[in-house]
Amino acid sequence: MVSVLSIQPTPNPNAFKFVVDALLWPGTKSVTRSSDAKGFSIAEQLFAIDGVDTLFFCDRFVTVSMKPSADWRAVHEATTRALEDFESPYGNAAAQAAPGVSAAVPTTVSLSPGEQALLDRINAVLDDRIRPALAGDGGGLEVLGLDGKTLLIRYQGACGSCPSSIGGTLMAIQNLLQAEVDEELAVVSA
């Protein structure tokens, strides 16, 4: 059984991060619709809770974003119960998902060797400096593609609907990538 170690607020007023003592998912997984939860038992259970809007799994935590009309106390209690009744298929083994945290460019996109090298450098900076900070706040970042010098990203978890992610965080990511990777990079959120 899984134990909930803490329930943490996030910068997003509609999301809370539930930290547990077992691996929920190796790496990251964003579940934005109940239909996407099919076959992922804990996600199915959490989406059955009235008021749950989206889920973001990252190793030993899940961020639950709630609808504005949700009864916060009921969602917290039901989420805690569902998590504590869940038996992780991964057991309490240490998370070994660091390489899986980065999001790959969709396979339908063909990149030149130079573009792939640029994307690899971008993901290295994101993995080292950005994704851990976002995970600390219950969120994540997926790279959707690279078009020339424009990087298309999607925020996940608490960051997905957080007002600060579109403004300040996006600009901070762009500034960091311009300083450490290529000064011509532009970052656009989907």
C-alpha atoms as a PDB file:
ATOM      1  CA  MET A   1       0.000   0.000   0.000  1.00  0.00           C
ATOM      2  CA  VAL A   2       1.060   3.565  -0.657  1.00  0.00           C
ATOM      3  CA  SER A   3       1.370   6.161   2.112  1.00  0.00           C
ATOM      4  CA  VAL A   4       0.719   9.828   1.462  1.00  0.00           C
ATOM      5  CA  LEU A   5       3.683  11.666   2.972  1.00  0.00           C
ATOM      6  CA  SER A   6       2.430  15.185   2.342  1.00  0.00           C
ATOM      7  CA  ILE A   7      -0.111  17.260   0.479  1.00  0.00           C
ATOM      8  CA  GLN A   8       1.517  20.423  -0.790  1.00  0.00           C
ATOM      9  CA  PRO A   9      -0.028  23.540  -2.263  1.00  0.00           C
ATOM     10  CA  THR A  10       1.386  24.679  -5.596  1.00  0.00           C
ATOM     11  CA  PRO A  11       1.623  28.143  -7.124  1.00  0.00           C
ATOM     12  CA  ASN A  12      -1.513  27.151  -9.046  1.00  0.00           C
ATOM     13  CA  PRO A  13      -4.479  27.780  -6.741  1.00  0.00           C
ATOM     14  CA  ASN A  14      -6.388  24.904  -8.400  1.00  0.00           C
ATOM     15  CA  ALA A  15      -3.739  22.200  -7.913  1.00  0.00           C
ATOM     16  CA  PHE A  16      -2.208  20.238  -5.060  1.00  0.00           C
ATOM     17  CA  LYS A  17       0.782  17.913  -5.063  1.00  0.00           C
ATOM     18  CA  PHE A  18       0.371  14.558  -3.274  1.00  0.00           C
ATOM     19  CA  VAL A  19       3.783  13.140  -2.328  1.00  0.00           C
ATOM     20  CA  VAL A  20       3.850   9.403  -1.614  1.00  0.00           C
ATOM     21  CA  ASP A  21       6.374   6.794  -0.464  1.00  0.00           C
ATOM     22  CA  ALA A  22       6.195   4.602  -3.580  1.00  0.00           C
ATOM     23  CA  LEU A  23       6.798   4.977  -7.272  1.00  0.00           C
ATOM     24  CA  LEU A  24       3.521   5.889  -8.978  1.00  0.00           C
ATOM     25  CA  TRP A  25       4.943   6.192 -12.487  1.00  0.00           C
ATOM     26  CA  PRO A  26       8.533   5.984 -13.746  1.00  0.00           C
ATOM     27  CA  GLY A  27       9.235   9.406 -15.228  1.00  0.00           C
ATOM     28  CA  THR A  28       6.365  11.719 -16.060  1.00  0.00           C
ATOM     29  CA  LYS A  29       2.846  11.184 -17.352  1.00  0.00           C
ATOM     30  CA  SER A  30       0.207  13.831 -17.907  1.00  0.00           C
ATOM     31  CA  VAL A  31      -3.407  12.643 -17.973  1.00  0.00           C
ATOM     32  CA  THR A  32      -5.709  15.422 -19.103  1.00  0.00           C
ATOM     33  CA  ARG A  33      -8.914  13.465 -19.793  1.00  0.00           C
ATOM     34  CA  SER A  34     -10.567  10.546 -18.071  1.00  0.00           C
ATOM     35  CA  SER A  35     -10.514   8.637 -21.377  1.00  0.00           C
ATOM     36  CA  ASP A  36      -6.692   8.862 -21.305  1.00  0.00           C
ATOM     37  CA  ALA A  37      -6.677   7.096 -17.931  1.00  0.00           C
ATOM     38  CA  LYS A  38      -8.008   3.783 -19.306  1.00  0.00           C
ATOM     39  CA  GLY A  39      -5.771   0.945 -18.176  1.00  0.00           C
ATOM     40  CA  PHE A  40      -3.855   3.129 -15.688  1.00  0.00           C
ATOM     41  CA  SER A  41      -5.670   2.064 -12.524  1.00  0.00           C
ATOM     42  CA  ILE A  42      -4.700   4.859 -10.133  1.00  0.00           C
ATOM     43  CA  ALA A  43      -5.502   7.501 -12.762  1.00  0.00           C
ATOM     44  CA  GLU A  44      -8.896   5.862 -13.356  1.00  0.00           C
ATOM     45  CA  GLN A  45      -9.602   5.952  -9.610  1.00  0.00           C
ATOM     46  CA  LEU A  46      -8.568   9.587  -9.278  1.00  0.00           C
ATOM     47  CA  PHE A  47     -10.625  10.686 -12.293  1.00  0.00           C
ATOM     48  CA  ALA A  48     -13.660   9.033 -10.685  1.00  0.00           C
ATOM     49  CA  ILE A  49     -13.437  11.654  -7.909  1.00  0.00           C
ATOM     50  CA  ASP A  50     -15.884  14.480  -8.472  1.00  0.00           C
ATOM     51  CA  GLY A  51     -14.024  17.709  -9.165  1.00  0.00           C
ATOM     52  CA  VAL A  52     -10.753  16.268 -10.537  1.00  0.00           C
ATOM     53  CA  ASP A  53      -9.749  18.043 -13.739  1.00  0.00           C
ATOM     54  CA  THR A  54      -6.243  16.779 -14.692  1.00  0.00           C
ATOM     55  CA  LEU A  55      -3.486  14.595 -13.267  1.00  0.00           C
ATOM     56  CA  PHE A  56       0.284  14.795 -13.564  1.00  0.00           C
ATOM     57  CA  PHE A  57       2.412  11.880 -12.361  1.00  0.00           C
ATOM     58  CA  CYS A  58       6.135  12.226 -11.732  1.00  0.00           C
ATOM     59  CA  ASP A  59       7.883   9.371  -9.960  1.00  0.00           C
ATOM     60  CA  ARG A  60       6.676   9.633  -6.331  1.00  0.00           C
ATOM     61  CA  PHE A  61       4.051  12.344  -6.631  1.00  0.00           C
ATOM     62  CA  VAL A  62       0.842  13.152  -8.409  1.00  0.00           C
ATOM     63  CA  THR A  63      -0.437  16.658  -8.928  1.00  0.00           C
ATOM     64  CA  VAL A  64      -4.211  16.824  -8.928  1.00  0.00           C
ATOM     65  CA  SER A  65      -5.692  19.854 -10.647  1.00  0.00           C
ATOM     66  CA  MET A  66      -9.259  20.497  -9.619  1.00  0.00           C
ATOM     67  CA  LYS A  67     -12.149  22.236 -11.276  1.00  0.00           C
ATOM     68  CA  PRO A  68     -12.879  25.665  -9.750  1.00  0.00           C
ATOM     69  CA  SER A  69     -16.259  24.383  -8.549  1.00  0.00           C
ATOM     70  CA  ALA A  70     -14.717  21.389  -6.739  1.00  0.00           C
ATOM     71  CA  ASP A  71     -15.206  20.762  -3.040  1.00  0.00           C
ATOM     72  CA  TRP A  72     -11.539  20.970  -2.060  1.00  0.00           C
ATOM     73  CA  ARG A  73     -11.865  19.041   1.176  1.00  0.00           C
ATOM     74  CA  ALA A  74     -13.775  16.195  -0.498  1.00  0.00           C
ATOM     75  CA  VAL A  75     -11.201  15.968  -3.318  1.00  0.00           C
ATOM     76  CA  HIS A  76      -8.295  15.917  -0.853  1.00  0.00           C
ATOM     77  CA  GLU A  77      -9.894  13.226   1.287  1.00  0.00           C
ATOM     78  CA  ALA A  78     -10.933  11.047  -1.656  1.00  0.00           C
ATOM     79  CA  THR A  79      -7.522  11.418  -3.324  1.00  0.00           C
ATOM     80  CA  THR A  80      -5.725  10.462  -0.118  1.00  0.00           C
ATOM     81  CA  ARG A  81      -7.960   7.403   0.303  1.00  0.00           C
ATOM     82  CA  ALA A  82      -7.461   6.317  -3.332  1.00  0.00           C
ATOM     83  CA  LEU A  83      -3.693   6.682  -3.084  1.00  0.00           C
ATOM     84  CA  GLU A  84      -3.489   4.842   0.246  1.00  0.00           C
ATOM     85  CA  ASP A  85      -5.574   1.967  -1.147  1.00  0.00           C
ATOM     86  CA  PHE A  86      -3.355   1.748  -4.240  1.00  0.00           C
ATOM     87  CA  GLU A  87      -0.657  -0.894  -4.522  1.00  0.00           C
ATOM     88  CA  SER A  88       2.112   0.382  -6.755  1.00  0.00           C
ATOM     89  CA  PRO A  89       3.142  -2.112  -9.433  1.00  0.00           C
ATOM     90  CA  TYR A  90       6.651  -0.682  -8.977  1.00  0.00           C
ATOM     91  CA  GLY A  91       6.772  -1.311  -5.231  1.00  0.00           C
ATOM     92  CA  ASN A  92       8.872   0.961  -3.079  1.00  0.00           C
ATOM     93  CA  ALA A  93      11.889   0.655  -5.374  1.00  0.00           C
ATOM     94  CA  ALA A  94      13.907   3.811  -5.835  1.00  0.00           C
ATOM     95  CA  ALA A  95      12.805   5.897  -8.791  1.00  0.00           C
ATOM     96  CA  GLN A  96      15.178   5.486 -11.707  1.00  0.00           C
ATOM     97  CA  ALA A  97      13.409   7.832 -14.085  1.00  0.00           C
ATOM     98  CA  ALA A  98      15.803  10.709 -14.527  1.00  0.00           C
ATOM     99  CA  PRO A  99      16.417   9.948 -18.223  1.00  0.00           C
ATOM    100  CA  GLY A 100      12.676   9.501 -18.801  1.00  0.00           C
ATOM    101  CA  VAL A 101      11.798  12.916 -17.421  1.00  0.00           C
ATOM    102  CA  SER A 102      12.677  14.683 -20.646  1.00  0.00           C
ATOM    103  CA  ALA A 103      10.022  14.685 -23.315  1.00  0.00           C
ATOM    104  CA  ALA A 104      10.958  13.642 -26.821  1.00  0.00           C
ATOM    105  CA  VAL A 105       9.957  15.447 -29.961  1.00  0.00           C
ATOM    106  CA  PRO A 106       7.027  13.657 -31.631  1.00  0.00           C
ATOM    107  CA  THR A 107       8.198  10.943 -34.013  1.00  0.00           C
ATOM    108  CA  THR A 108       6.308  12.559 -36.896  1.00  0.00           C
ATOM    109  CA  VAL A 109       8.836  15.399 -36.911  1.00  0.00           C
ATOM    110  CA  SER A 110      12.064  14.832 -38.818  1.00  0.00           C
ATOM    111  CA  LEU A 111      14.999  16.857 -37.537  1.00  0.00           C
ATOM    112  CA  SER A 112      18.290  17.496 -39.254  1.00  0.00           C
ATOM    113  CA  PRO A 113      21.425  16.456 -37.335  1.00  0.00           C
ATOM    114  CA  GLY A 114      22.016  20.136 -36.403  1.00  0.00           C
ATOM    115  CA  GLU A 115      18.444  20.564 -35.173  1.00  0.00           C
ATOM    116  CA  GLN A 116      18.673  17.312 -33.196  1.00  0.00           C
ATOM    117  CA  ALA A 117      21.909  18.498 -31.572  1.00  0.00           C
ATOM    118  CA  LEU A 118      20.224  21.810 -30.667  1.00  0.00           C
ATOM    119  CA  LEU A 119      17.225  19.965 -29.233  1.00  0.00           C
ATOM    120  CA  ASP A 120      19.521  17.687 -27.229  1.00  0.00           C
ATOM    121  CA  ARG A 121      21.270  20.737 -25.723  1.00  0.00           C
ATOM    122  CA  ILE A 122      17.887  22.337 -24.952  1.00  0.00           C
ATOM    123  CA  ASN A 123      16.643  19.176 -23.216  1.00  0.00           C
ATOM    124  CA  ALA A 124      19.867  18.918 -21.205  1.00  0.00           C
ATOM    125  CA  VAL A 125      19.310  22.432 -19.824  1.00  0.00           C
ATOM    126  CA  LEU A 126      15.611  21.734 -19.231  1.00  0.00           C
ATOM    127  CA  ASP A 127      16.436  18.464 -17.422  1.00  0.00           C
ATOM    128  CA  ASP A 128      19.115  20.091 -15.290  1.00  0.00           C
ATOM    129  CA  ARG A 129      17.602  23.475 -14.456  1.00  0.00           C
ATOM    130  CA  ILE A 130      13.908  23.747 -15.345  1.00  0.00           C
ATOM    131  CA  ARG A 131      12.126  20.413 -14.921  1.00  0.00           C
ATOM    132  CA  PRO A 132      13.309  19.843 -11.325  1.00  0.00           C
ATOM    133  CA  ALA A 133      12.072  23.305 -10.325  1.00  0.00           C
ATOM    134  CA  LEU A 134       8.714  22.751 -12.007  1.00  0.00           C
ATOM    135  CA  ALA A 135       8.419  19.300 -10.386  1.00  0.00           C
ATOM    136  CA  GLY A 136       9.034  20.944  -7.017  1.00  0.00           C
ATOM    137  CA  ASP A 137       5.880  22.952  -7.651  1.00  0.00           C
ATOM    138  CA  GLY A 138       3.911  19.925  -8.885  1.00  0.00           C
ATOM    139  CA  GLY A 139       4.390  20.513 -12.593  1.00  0.00           C
ATOM    140  CA  GLY A 140       6.356  19.581 -15.628  1.00  0.00           C
ATOM    141  CA  LEU A 141       7.280  20.601 -19.136  1.00  0.00           C
ATOM    142  CA  GLU A 142       6.924  18.668 -22.376  1.00  0.00           C
ATOM    143  CA  VAL A 143       8.798  19.608 -25.535  1.00  0.00           C
ATOM    144  CA  LEU A 144       6.370  19.345 -28.449  1.00  0.00           C
ATOM    145  CA  GLY A 145       8.723  20.353 -31.223  1.00  0.00           C
ATOM    146  CA  LEU A 146      11.436  22.556 -32.615  1.00  0.00           C
ATOM    147  CA  ASP A 147      10.850  24.656 -35.711  1.00  0.00           C
ATOM    148  CA  GLY A 148      14.058  26.418 -36.622  1.00  0.00           C
ATOM    149  CA  LYS A 149      14.845  28.480 -33.521  1.00  0.00           C
ATOM    150  CA  THR A 150      11.325  28.256 -32.052  1.00  0.00           C
ATOM    151  CA  LEU A 151      10.758  25.716 -29.293  1.00  0.00           C
ATOM    152  CA  LEU A 152       7.153  24.635 -28.719  1.00  0.00           C
ATOM    153  CA  ILE A 153       6.431  23.449 -25.168  1.00  0.00           C
ATOM    154  CA  ARG A 154       3.438  22.350 -23.113  1.00  0.00           C
ATOM    155  CA  TYR A 155       3.212  22.802 -19.373  1.00  0.00           C
ATOM    156  CA  GLN A 156       2.008  19.809 -17.363  1.00  0.00           C
ATOM    157  CA  GLY A 157       0.465  19.317 -13.953  1.00  0.00           C
ATOM    158  CA  ALA A 158       0.092  22.382 -11.752  1.00  0.00           C
ATOM    159  CA  CYS A 159       1.917  24.457 -14.370  1.00  0.00           C
ATOM    160  CA  GLY A 160      -0.652  23.617 -17.054  1.00  0.00           C
ATOM    161  CA  SER A 161      -3.275  26.026 -15.803  1.00  0.00           C
ATOM    162  CA  CYS A 162      -1.176  28.264 -13.575  1.00  0.00           C
ATOM    163  CA  PRO A 163      -1.388  31.970 -14.387  1.00  0.00           C
ATOM    164  CA  SER A 164       2.351  32.523 -13.762  1.00  0.00           C
ATOM    165  CA  SER A 165       3.472  29.807 -16.203  1.00  0.00           C
ATOM    166  CA  ILE A 166       2.350  31.701 -19.291  1.00  0.00           C
ATOM    167  CA  GLY A 167       4.063  34.956 -18.337  1.00  0.00           C
ATOM    168  CA  GLY A 168       6.977  34.910 -15.955  1.00  0.00           C
ATOM    169  CA  THR A 169       7.967  31.256 -16.144  1.00  0.00           C
ATOM    170  CA  LEU A 170       7.858  31.162 -19.939  1.00  0.00           C
ATOM    171  CA  MET A 171      10.066  34.247 -20.156  1.00  0.00           C
ATOM    172  CA  ALA A 172      12.489  32.815 -17.579  1.00  0.00           C
ATOM    173  CA  ILE A 173      12.793  29.582 -19.580  1.00  0.00           C
ATOM    174  CA  GLN A 174      13.397  31.510 -22.792  1.00  0.00           C
ATOM    175  CA  ASN A 175      16.015  33.749 -21.127  1.00  0.00           C
ATOM    176  CA  LEU A 176      17.841  30.744 -19.672  1.00  0.00           C
ATOM    177  CA  LEU A 177      17.874  28.888 -22.990  1.00  0.00           C
ATOM    178  CA  GLN A 178      19.051  32.018 -24.812  1.00  0.00           C
ATOM    179  CA  ALA A 179      21.886  32.468 -22.311  1.00  0.00           C
ATOM    180  CA  GLU A 180      22.976  28.824 -22.187  1.00  0.00           C
ATOM    181  CA  VAL A 181      22.074  27.355 -25.584  1.00  0.00           C
ATOM    182  CA  ASP A 182      21.378  29.879 -28.369  1.00  0.00           C
ATOM    183  CA  GLU A 183      20.595  33.584 -28.100  1.00  0.00           C
ATOM    184  CA  GLU A 184      18.108  33.374 -30.983  1.00  0.00           C
ATOM    185  CA  LEU A 185      15.824  30.780 -29.372  1.00  0.00           C
ATOM    186  CA  ALA A 186      12.182  31.666 -28.871  1.00  0.00           C
ATOM    187  CA  VAL A 187       9.966  29.598 -26.565  1.00  0.00           C
ATOM    188  CA  VAL A 188       6.243  29.305 -27.262  1.00  0.00           C
ATOM    189  CA  SER A 189       3.677  27.546 -25.087  1.00  0.00           C
ATOM    190  CA  ALA A 190       0.961  25.438 -26.722  1.00  0.00           C
END
